[in-house]
Amino acid sequence: MKTEVEETYFPRGQLVLHRQKWPEIVARLRPMLECLVRHEMRQASAPTLYIVGSSEMKVEFSGGLAGMTGPNLAECLRPVIGDAWRGICPAIVLNDRDMVSESLNDQQAFSEIAAIGIHEVTHLVGWYPEWAESCSHSDVVDTINHVATDPRQWPQFDQHPVWYGHDYRFVRLCLHAAWRFIQAQKIHLSIHRLLDWSHFGYSHPWEYLKSLESELTGLAHVPLSEIHNVEVPKPFYERWYSDVTHTVLGSNPL
């Protein structure tokens, strides 16, 4: 089966991180995201979460791509994971090639990369347990070719709006995941990095967060994979609907 790759877009050069700090960032972030995955999948022990830098894939992300994941990505990345392989588990790839600026301190850099990780984990939780599927050699080639192609040239955007795969349902889950991460880890998180809000034609993220305020705590006991069973708050949906019907980037709401 062809790997379905999910993407996060940010303008090239704006994601900033000390490259020499990358191993430290990953070592700190992995157990935090594993905790989130364990809680949302209701597993007694956290599965390993593979976090791979794009530089390890020997491929340059195109068009400002910041991260990706897929149902069977772990096995596709097995040659890169090497001795760290612990079986088929969730996997995400984060773009570490563009993370070379000195403009952020360590905590700010961690806050931004953690937000991108949460975006990808939100996709993974929605796919569970499909990420445990097998992967062929052609899947690996497809994945590499996919990330090396400018997103604006991807076929799906000839038929779908730019926010395809990141509509109000995903935004809702992503904000819930971010809120739970913040509450569990007691750290600051850059919600601006959860999505490329302006690229999708969306309002300021605080507008969306404010419209979900009542359910963030009220549904804290509900797994992310089950939140879709609860009616979407009217102000939240109306905010999204207004955004996508007033921009040329998305005139056909789902």
C-alpha atoms as a PDB file:
ATOM      1  CA  MET A   1       0.000   0.000   0.000  1.00  0.00           C
ATOM      2  CA  LYS A   2       1.320   3.422  -0.854  1.00  0.00           C
ATOM      3  CA  THR A   3       2.337   5.462   2.155  1.00  0.00           C
ATOM      4  CA  GLU A   4      -0.126   8.245   2.896  1.00  0.00           C
ATOM      5  CA  VAL A   5       2.109  11.102   3.984  1.00  0.00           C
ATOM      6  CA  GLU A   6       0.703  13.929   6.067  1.00  0.00           C
ATOM      7  CA  GLU A   7       2.462  17.263   5.995  1.00  0.00           C
ATOM      8  CA  THR A   8       2.942  20.416   7.987  1.00  0.00           C
ATOM      9  CA  TYR A   9       3.819  23.592   6.080  1.00  0.00           C
ATOM     10  CA  PHE A  10       5.863  26.520   7.306  1.00  0.00           C
ATOM     11  CA  PRO A  11       7.626  29.185   5.264  1.00  0.00           C
ATOM     12  CA  ARG A  12      11.184  28.067   4.586  1.00  0.00           C
ATOM     13  CA  GLY A  13      13.724  29.548   6.970  1.00  0.00           C
ATOM     14  CA  GLN A  14      11.233  30.547   9.681  1.00  0.00           C
ATOM     15  CA  LEU A  15      11.552  27.359  11.717  1.00  0.00           C
ATOM     16  CA  VAL A  16      14.660  28.005  13.782  1.00  0.00           C
ATOM     17  CA  LEU A  17      16.666  25.654  15.955  1.00  0.00           C
ATOM     18  CA  HIS A  18      20.296  25.120  16.901  1.00  0.00           C
ATOM     19  CA  ARG A  19      21.216  22.086  14.797  1.00  0.00           C
ATOM     20  CA  GLN A  20      23.803  20.979  17.356  1.00  0.00           C
ATOM     21  CA  LYS A  21      20.956  20.811  19.899  1.00  0.00           C
ATOM     22  CA  TRP A  22      18.865  18.461  17.737  1.00  0.00           C
ATOM     23  CA  PRO A  23      19.827  15.211  19.567  1.00  0.00           C
ATOM     24  CA  GLU A  24      19.060  16.871  22.917  1.00  0.00           C
ATOM     25  CA  ILE A  25      15.717  18.139  21.646  1.00  0.00           C
ATOM     26  CA  VAL A  26      14.738  14.662  20.403  1.00  0.00           C
ATOM     27  CA  ALA A  27      15.862  12.985  23.633  1.00  0.00           C
ATOM     28  CA  ARG A  28      13.684  15.368  25.642  1.00  0.00           C
ATOM     29  CA  LEU A  29      10.703  15.375  23.299  1.00  0.00           C
ATOM     30  CA  ARG A  30      10.365  11.646  22.604  1.00  0.00           C
ATOM     31  CA  PRO A  31       9.197  10.535  26.110  1.00  0.00           C
ATOM     32  CA  MET A  32       6.754  13.448  26.243  1.00  0.00           C
ATOM     33  CA  LEU A  33       5.141  12.504  22.937  1.00  0.00           C
ATOM     34  CA  GLU A  34       5.220   8.815  23.864  1.00  0.00           C
ATOM     35  CA  CYS A  35       3.267   9.712  26.991  1.00  0.00           C
ATOM     36  CA  LEU A  36       0.659  11.456  24.845  1.00  0.00           C
ATOM     37  CA  VAL A  37       0.474   8.497  22.457  1.00  0.00           C
ATOM     38  CA  ARG A  38       0.144   6.047  25.361  1.00  0.00           C
ATOM     39  CA  HIS A  39      -2.678   8.044  26.910  1.00  0.00           C
ATOM     40  CA  GLU A  40      -4.620   8.469  23.674  1.00  0.00           C
ATOM     41  CA  MET A  41      -4.219   4.848  22.568  1.00  0.00           C
ATOM     42  CA  ARG A  42      -5.077   3.687  26.104  1.00  0.00           C
ATOM     43  CA  GLN A  43      -2.030   1.432  26.267  1.00  0.00           C
ATOM     44  CA  ALA A  44      -0.416   0.359  29.529  1.00  0.00           C
ATOM     45  CA  SER A  45       3.066   1.080  28.190  1.00  0.00           C
ATOM     46  CA  ALA A  46       4.125   3.593  25.606  1.00  0.00           C
ATOM     47  CA  PRO A  47       5.183   2.212  22.225  1.00  0.00           C
ATOM     48  CA  THR A  48       8.476   3.491  20.929  1.00  0.00           C
ATOM     49  CA  LEU A  49       8.051   6.665  18.887  1.00  0.00           C
ATOM     50  CA  TYR A  50      10.652   7.022  16.177  1.00  0.00           C
ATOM     51  CA  ILE A  51      11.637  10.641  15.578  1.00  0.00           C
ATOM     52  CA  VAL A  52      13.857  10.969  12.511  1.00  0.00           C
ATOM     53  CA  GLY A  53      15.502  14.125  11.211  1.00  0.00           C
ATOM     54  CA  SER A  54      15.137  14.813   7.501  1.00  0.00           C
ATOM     55  CA  SER A  55      18.925  15.009   7.203  1.00  0.00           C
ATOM     56  CA  GLU A  56      19.088  11.338   8.234  1.00  0.00           C
ATOM     57  CA  MET A  57      16.909  10.458   5.221  1.00  0.00           C
ATOM     58  CA  LYS A  58      19.502  12.023   2.903  1.00  0.00           C
ATOM     59  CA  VAL A  59      16.725  13.990   1.219  1.00  0.00           C
ATOM     60  CA  GLU A  60      15.926  17.699   1.279  1.00  0.00           C
ATOM     61  CA  PHE A  61      12.364  18.609   2.188  1.00  0.00           C
ATOM     62  CA  SER A  62      10.828  20.779  -0.503  1.00  0.00           C
ATOM     63  CA  GLY A  63       8.555  23.814  -0.309  1.00  0.00           C
ATOM     64  CA  GLY A  64       9.105  24.534   3.377  1.00  0.00           C
ATOM     65  CA  LEU A  65       7.822  21.157   4.566  1.00  0.00           C
ATOM     66  CA  ALA A  66       8.325  20.939   8.343  1.00  0.00           C
ATOM     67  CA  GLY A  67       7.250  17.396   9.180  1.00  0.00           C
ATOM     68  CA  MET A  68       5.487  14.267   8.011  1.00  0.00           C
ATOM     69  CA  THR A  69       4.132  10.938   9.170  1.00  0.00           C
ATOM     70  CA  GLY A  70       2.293   7.985   7.696  1.00  0.00           C
ATOM     71  CA  PRO A  71       0.560   4.737   8.703  1.00  0.00           C
ATOM     72  CA  ASN A  72       3.502   2.535   7.743  1.00  0.00           C
ATOM     73  CA  LEU A  73       6.305   5.076   7.896  1.00  0.00           C
ATOM     74  CA  ALA A  74       8.336   3.253  10.566  1.00  0.00           C
ATOM     75  CA  GLU A  75       9.142   0.282   8.364  1.00  0.00           C
ATOM     76  CA  CYS A  76       9.908   2.598   5.468  1.00  0.00           C
ATOM     77  CA  LEU A  77      12.492   4.290   7.707  1.00  0.00           C
ATOM     78  CA  ARG A  78      13.972   1.087   9.103  1.00  0.00           C
ATOM     79  CA  PRO A  79      17.300   1.471   7.252  1.00  0.00           C
ATOM     80  CA  VAL A  80      17.637   4.949   8.785  1.00  0.00           C
ATOM     81  CA  ILE A  81      16.535   3.892  12.289  1.00  0.00           C
ATOM     82  CA  GLY A  82      19.188   1.163  12.321  1.00  0.00           C
ATOM     83  CA  ASP A  83      20.191  -0.167  15.756  1.00  0.00           C
ATOM     84  CA  ALA A  84      17.419   1.850  17.422  1.00  0.00           C
ATOM     85  CA  TRP A  85      14.802  -0.395  15.763  1.00  0.00           C
ATOM     86  CA  ARG A  86      12.328  -1.781  18.321  1.00  0.00           C
ATOM     87  CA  GLY A  87       9.732  -3.148  15.932  1.00  0.00           C
ATOM     88  CA  ILE A  88       6.950  -1.468  13.981  1.00  0.00           C
ATOM     89  CA  CYS A  89       5.874   1.568  16.009  1.00  0.00           C
ATOM     90  CA  PRO A  90       4.626   5.107  15.280  1.00  0.00           C
ATOM     91  CA  ALA A  91       7.132   7.282  13.422  1.00  0.00           C
ATOM     92  CA  ILE A  92       7.465  10.930  12.470  1.00  0.00           C
ATOM     93  CA  VAL A  93      10.030  12.844  10.434  1.00  0.00           C
ATOM     94  CA  LEU A  94      10.887  16.435  11.336  1.00  0.00           C
ATOM     95  CA  ASN A  95      12.777  18.816   9.066  1.00  0.00           C
ATOM     96  CA  ASP A  96      16.078  19.477  10.841  1.00  0.00           C
ATOM     97  CA  ARG A  97      17.875  20.843   7.776  1.00  0.00           C
ATOM     98  CA  ASP A  98      16.337  24.307   8.095  1.00  0.00           C
ATOM     99  CA  MET A  99      16.778  24.467  11.867  1.00  0.00           C
ATOM    100  CA  VAL A 100      20.043  26.369  11.867  1.00  0.00           C
ATOM    101  CA  SER A 101      19.324  29.845  13.250  1.00  0.00           C
ATOM    102  CA  GLU A 102      20.685  31.289  16.474  1.00  0.00           C
ATOM    103  CA  SER A 103      17.672  33.571  16.988  1.00  0.00           C
ATOM    104  CA  LEU A 104      15.833  31.400  19.551  1.00  0.00           C
ATOM    105  CA  ASN A 105      16.932  30.216  22.963  1.00  0.00           C
ATOM    106  CA  ASP A 106      16.771  26.521  23.781  1.00  0.00           C
ATOM    107  CA  GLN A 107      13.334  26.631  25.420  1.00  0.00           C
ATOM    108  CA  GLN A 108      11.786  28.613  22.557  1.00  0.00           C
ATOM    109  CA  ALA A 109      13.257  26.191  20.039  1.00  0.00           C
ATOM    110  CA  PHE A 110      11.891  23.218  21.986  1.00  0.00           C
ATOM    111  CA  SER A 111       8.429  24.836  22.178  1.00  0.00           C
ATOM    112  CA  GLU A 112       8.300  25.207  18.403  1.00  0.00           C
ATOM    113  CA  ILE A 113       9.567  21.744  17.474  1.00  0.00           C
ATOM    114  CA  ALA A 114       7.258  20.171  20.084  1.00  0.00           C
ATOM    115  CA  ALA A 115       4.262  21.821  18.408  1.00  0.00           C
ATOM    116  CA  ILE A 116       5.198  20.277  15.061  1.00  0.00           C
ATOM    117  CA  GLY A 117       5.632  16.907  16.755  1.00  0.00           C
ATOM    118  CA  ILE A 118       2.145  17.196  18.269  1.00  0.00           C
ATOM    119  CA  HIS A 119       0.709  17.961  14.829  1.00  0.00           C
ATOM    120  CA  GLU A 120       2.176  14.724  13.490  1.00  0.00           C
ATOM    121  CA  VAL A 121       1.160  12.688  16.553  1.00  0.00           C
ATOM    122  CA  THR A 122      -2.416  13.919  16.081  1.00  0.00           C
ATOM    123  CA  HIS A 123      -2.368  12.280  12.659  1.00  0.00           C
ATOM    124  CA  LEU A 124      -0.892   9.089  14.134  1.00  0.00           C
ATOM    125  CA  VAL A 125      -3.513   8.777  16.856  1.00  0.00           C
ATOM    126  CA  GLY A 126      -6.220   9.078  14.222  1.00  0.00           C
ATOM    127  CA  TRP A 127      -4.618   6.276  12.186  1.00  0.00           C
ATOM    128  CA  TYR A 128      -4.046   3.792  15.026  1.00  0.00           C
ATOM    129  CA  PRO A 129      -3.537   0.874  14.522  1.00  0.00           C
ATOM    130  CA  GLU A 130      -2.979   1.314  10.770  1.00  0.00           C
ATOM    131  CA  TRP A 131       0.567   2.585  11.379  1.00  0.00           C
ATOM    132  CA  ALA A 132       1.487  -1.050  12.092  1.00  0.00           C
ATOM    133  CA  GLU A 133       1.088  -2.032   8.438  1.00  0.00           C
ATOM    134  CA  SER A 134       3.969  -3.418   6.420  1.00  0.00           C
ATOM    135  CA  CYS A 135       5.980  -1.392   3.947  1.00  0.00           C
ATOM    136  CA  SER A 136       7.478  -2.342   0.597  1.00  0.00           C
ATOM    137  CA  HIS A 137      10.575  -0.968  -1.107  1.00  0.00           C
ATOM    138  CA  SER A 138       8.334   0.988  -3.487  1.00  0.00           C
ATOM    139  CA  ASP A 139       6.730   2.680  -0.458  1.00  0.00           C
ATOM    140  CA  VAL A 140      10.157   3.919   0.605  1.00  0.00           C
ATOM    141  CA  VAL A 141      10.821   5.326  -2.856  1.00  0.00           C
ATOM    142  CA  ASP A 142       7.354   6.937  -2.958  1.00  0.00           C
ATOM    143  CA  THR A 143       7.918   8.556   0.441  1.00  0.00           C
ATOM    144  CA  ILE A 144      11.291  10.026  -0.530  1.00  0.00           C
ATOM    145  CA  ASN A 145       9.976  11.295  -3.854  1.00  0.00           C
ATOM    146  CA  HIS A 146       6.958  12.799  -2.113  1.00  0.00           C
ATOM    147  CA  VAL A 147       8.896  14.930   0.364  1.00  0.00           C
ATOM    148  CA  ALA A 148      11.408  15.978  -2.292  1.00  0.00           C
ATOM    149  CA  THR A 149       8.626  17.474  -4.437  1.00  0.00           C
ATOM    150  CA  ASP A 150       7.266  20.960  -3.868  1.00  0.00           C
ATOM    151  CA  PRO A 151       3.858  20.510  -2.142  1.00  0.00           C
ATOM    152  CA  ARG A 152       2.276  22.886  -4.633  1.00  0.00           C
ATOM    153  CA  GLN A 153       2.887  20.223  -7.305  1.00  0.00           C
ATOM    154  CA  TRP A 154       1.206  17.376  -5.393  1.00  0.00           C
ATOM    155  CA  PRO A 155      -1.744  15.920  -7.354  1.00  0.00           C
ATOM    156  CA  GLN A 156      -4.221  16.093  -4.448  1.00  0.00           C
ATOM    157  CA  PHE A 157      -4.169  19.883  -4.495  1.00  0.00           C
ATOM    158  CA  ASP A 158      -5.484  19.915  -8.050  1.00  0.00           C
ATOM    159  CA  GLN A 159      -8.752  18.551  -6.668  1.00  0.00           C
ATOM    160  CA  HIS A 160      -8.764  19.670  -3.028  1.00  0.00           C
ATOM    161  CA  PRO A 161      -8.301  22.941  -1.128  1.00  0.00           C
ATOM    162  CA  VAL A 162      -4.925  23.789   0.411  1.00  0.00           C
ATOM    163  CA  TRP A 163      -6.101  22.765   3.883  1.00  0.00           C
ATOM    164  CA  TYR A 164      -6.958  19.253   2.662  1.00  0.00           C
ATOM    165  CA  GLY A 165      -6.410  16.835   5.566  1.00  0.00           C
ATOM    166  CA  HIS A 166      -6.387  19.721   8.050  1.00  0.00           C
ATOM    167  CA  ASP A 167     -10.007  20.842   8.179  1.00  0.00           C
ATOM    168  CA  TYR A 168     -11.973  21.770  11.324  1.00  0.00           C
ATOM    169  CA  ARG A 169     -11.935  18.158  12.526  1.00  0.00           C
ATOM    170  CA  PHE A 170      -8.151  17.983  12.508  1.00  0.00           C
ATOM    171  CA  VAL A 171      -7.771  21.473  13.989  1.00  0.00           C
ATOM    172  CA  ARG A 172     -10.055  20.446  16.836  1.00  0.00           C
ATOM    173  CA  LEU A 173      -8.078  17.284  17.604  1.00  0.00           C
ATOM    174  CA  CYS A 174      -4.740  19.065  17.297  1.00  0.00           C
ATOM    175  CA  LEU A 175      -5.760  21.743  19.810  1.00  0.00           C
ATOM    176  CA  HIS A 176      -7.006  19.065  22.204  1.00  0.00           C
ATOM    177  CA  ALA A 177      -3.695  17.200  21.852  1.00  0.00           C
ATOM    178  CA  ALA A 178      -1.734  20.406  22.459  1.00  0.00           C
ATOM    179  CA  TRP A 179      -3.824  21.264  25.525  1.00  0.00           C
ATOM    180  CA  ARG A 180      -3.292  17.788  26.986  1.00  0.00           C
ATOM    181  CA  PHE A 181       0.427  17.981  26.277  1.00  0.00           C
ATOM    182  CA  ILE A 182       0.681  21.325  28.068  1.00  0.00           C
ATOM    183  CA  GLN A 183      -1.295  20.097  31.065  1.00  0.00           C
ATOM    184  CA  ALA A 184       0.740  16.895  31.372  1.00  0.00           C
ATOM    185  CA  GLN A 185       4.199  18.397  30.845  1.00  0.00           C
ATOM    186  CA  LYS A 186       3.654  21.825  32.443  1.00  0.00           C
ATOM    187  CA  ILE A 187       5.569  23.598  29.701  1.00  0.00           C
ATOM    188  CA  HIS A 188       4.917  26.381  27.218  1.00  0.00           C
ATOM    189  CA  LEU A 189       3.962  25.375  23.677  1.00  0.00           C
ATOM    190  CA  SER A 190       3.947  27.517  20.548  1.00  0.00           C
ATOM    191  CA  ILE A 191       0.434  26.996  19.171  1.00  0.00           C
ATOM    192  CA  HIS A 192       1.417  29.095  16.143  1.00  0.00           C
ATOM    193  CA  ARG A 193       3.469  26.086  15.004  1.00  0.00           C
ATOM    194  CA  LEU A 194       0.650  23.548  15.287  1.00  0.00           C
ATOM    195  CA  LEU A 195      -0.493  24.499  11.774  1.00  0.00           C
ATOM    196  CA  ASP A 196       0.423  27.082   9.184  1.00  0.00           C
ATOM    197  CA  TRP A 197      -2.723  29.017  10.000  1.00  0.00           C
ATOM    198  CA  SER A 198      -2.270  31.863   7.517  1.00  0.00           C
ATOM    199  CA  HIS A 199      -1.344  29.519   4.638  1.00  0.00           C
ATOM    200  CA  PHE A 200      -4.598  27.626   5.174  1.00  0.00           C
ATOM    201  CA  GLY A 201      -6.529  30.905   5.333  1.00  0.00           C
ATOM    202  CA  TYR A 202      -7.369  30.367   9.005  1.00  0.00           C
ATOM    203  CA  SER A 203      -7.845  32.995  11.700  1.00  0.00           C
ATOM    204  CA  HIS A 204      -5.394  33.576  14.543  1.00  0.00           C
ATOM    205  CA  PRO A 205      -5.022  30.290  16.505  1.00  0.00           C
ATOM    206  CA  TRP A 206      -6.205  31.963  19.693  1.00  0.00           C
ATOM    207  CA  GLU A 207      -9.581  32.519  18.035  1.00  0.00           C
ATOM    208  CA  TYR A 208      -9.931  28.772  17.530  1.00  0.00           C
ATOM    209  CA  LEU A 209      -8.614  27.977  20.992  1.00  0.00           C
ATOM    210  CA  LYS A 210     -11.050  30.395  22.599  1.00  0.00           C
ATOM    211  CA  SER A 211     -14.004  28.819  20.787  1.00  0.00           C
ATOM    212  CA  LEU A 212     -12.997  25.387  22.163  1.00  0.00           C
ATOM    213  CA  GLU A 213     -12.282  26.569  25.694  1.00  0.00           C
ATOM    214  CA  SER A 214     -15.288  24.908  27.346  1.00  0.00           C
ATOM    215  CA  GLU A 215     -14.626  21.443  25.915  1.00  0.00           C
ATOM    216  CA  LEU A 216     -10.856  21.288  26.362  1.00  0.00           C
ATOM    217  CA  THR A 217     -11.291  20.397  30.020  1.00  0.00           C
ATOM    218  CA  GLY A 218     -14.772  18.926  29.678  1.00  0.00           C
ATOM    219  CA  LEU A 219     -13.600  16.268  27.209  1.00  0.00           C
ATOM    220  CA  ALA A 220     -10.187  15.648  28.750  1.00  0.00           C
ATOM    221  CA  HIS A 221     -11.251  12.086  29.581  1.00  0.00           C
ATOM    222  CA  VAL A 222     -12.294  11.306  25.981  1.00  0.00           C
ATOM    223  CA  PRO A 223      -9.645   9.759  23.679  1.00  0.00           C
ATOM    224  CA  LEU A 224      -8.801  11.909  20.655  1.00  0.00           C
ATOM    225  CA  SER A 225     -10.028   9.129  18.388  1.00  0.00           C
ATOM    226  CA  GLU A 226     -13.500   9.424  19.937  1.00  0.00           C
ATOM    227  CA  ILE A 227     -13.936  13.194  20.107  1.00  0.00           C
ATOM    228  CA  HIS A 228     -15.566  13.190  16.684  1.00  0.00           C
ATOM    229  CA  ASN A 229     -18.535  11.481  18.348  1.00  0.00           C
ATOM    230  CA  VAL A 230     -19.176  14.664  20.338  1.00  0.00           C
ATOM    231  CA  GLU A 231     -20.920  17.502  18.522  1.00  0.00           C
ATOM    232  CA  VAL A 232     -18.565  20.239  17.396  1.00  0.00           C
ATOM    233  CA  PRO A 233     -19.028  23.503  19.342  1.00  0.00           C
ATOM    234  CA  LYS A 234     -21.014  25.865  17.141  1.00  0.00           C
ATOM    235  CA  PRO A 235     -18.676  28.906  17.576  1.00  0.00           C
ATOM    236  CA  PHE A 236     -15.692  26.763  16.587  1.00  0.00           C
ATOM    237  CA  TYR A 237     -17.288  25.425  13.420  1.00  0.00           C
ATOM    238  CA  GLU A 238     -18.643  28.852  12.465  1.00  0.00           C
ATOM    239  CA  ARG A 239     -15.141  30.340  12.871  1.00  0.00           C
ATOM    240  CA  TRP A 240     -13.691  27.736  10.513  1.00  0.00           C
ATOM    241  CA  TYR A 241     -16.554  27.922   8.020  1.00  0.00           C
ATOM    242  CA  SER A 242     -16.210  31.699   7.856  1.00  0.00           C
ATOM    243  CA  ASP A 243     -12.472  31.414   7.252  1.00  0.00           C
ATOM    244  CA  VAL A 244     -12.668  28.917   4.401  1.00  0.00           C
ATOM    245  CA  THR A 245     -15.572  30.622   2.655  1.00  0.00           C
ATOM    246  CA  HIS A 246     -13.813  33.990   2.650  1.00  0.00           C
ATOM    247  CA  THR A 247     -10.571  32.887   1.067  1.00  0.00           C
ATOM    248  CA  VAL A 248      -9.761  31.690  -2.434  1.00  0.00           C
ATOM    249  CA  LEU A 249      -7.632  28.939  -0.901  1.00  0.00           C
ATOM    250  CA  GLY A 250     -10.609  27.008   0.368  1.00  0.00           C
ATOM    251  CA  SER A 251     -14.047  27.693  -1.076  1.00  0.00           C
ATOM    252  CA  ASN A 252     -15.484  24.187  -0.680  1.00  0.00           C
ATOM    253  CA  PRO A 253     -15.812  23.250   3.020  1.00  0.00           C
ATOM    254  CA  LEU A 254     -16.108  19.577   3.861  1.00  0.00           C
END
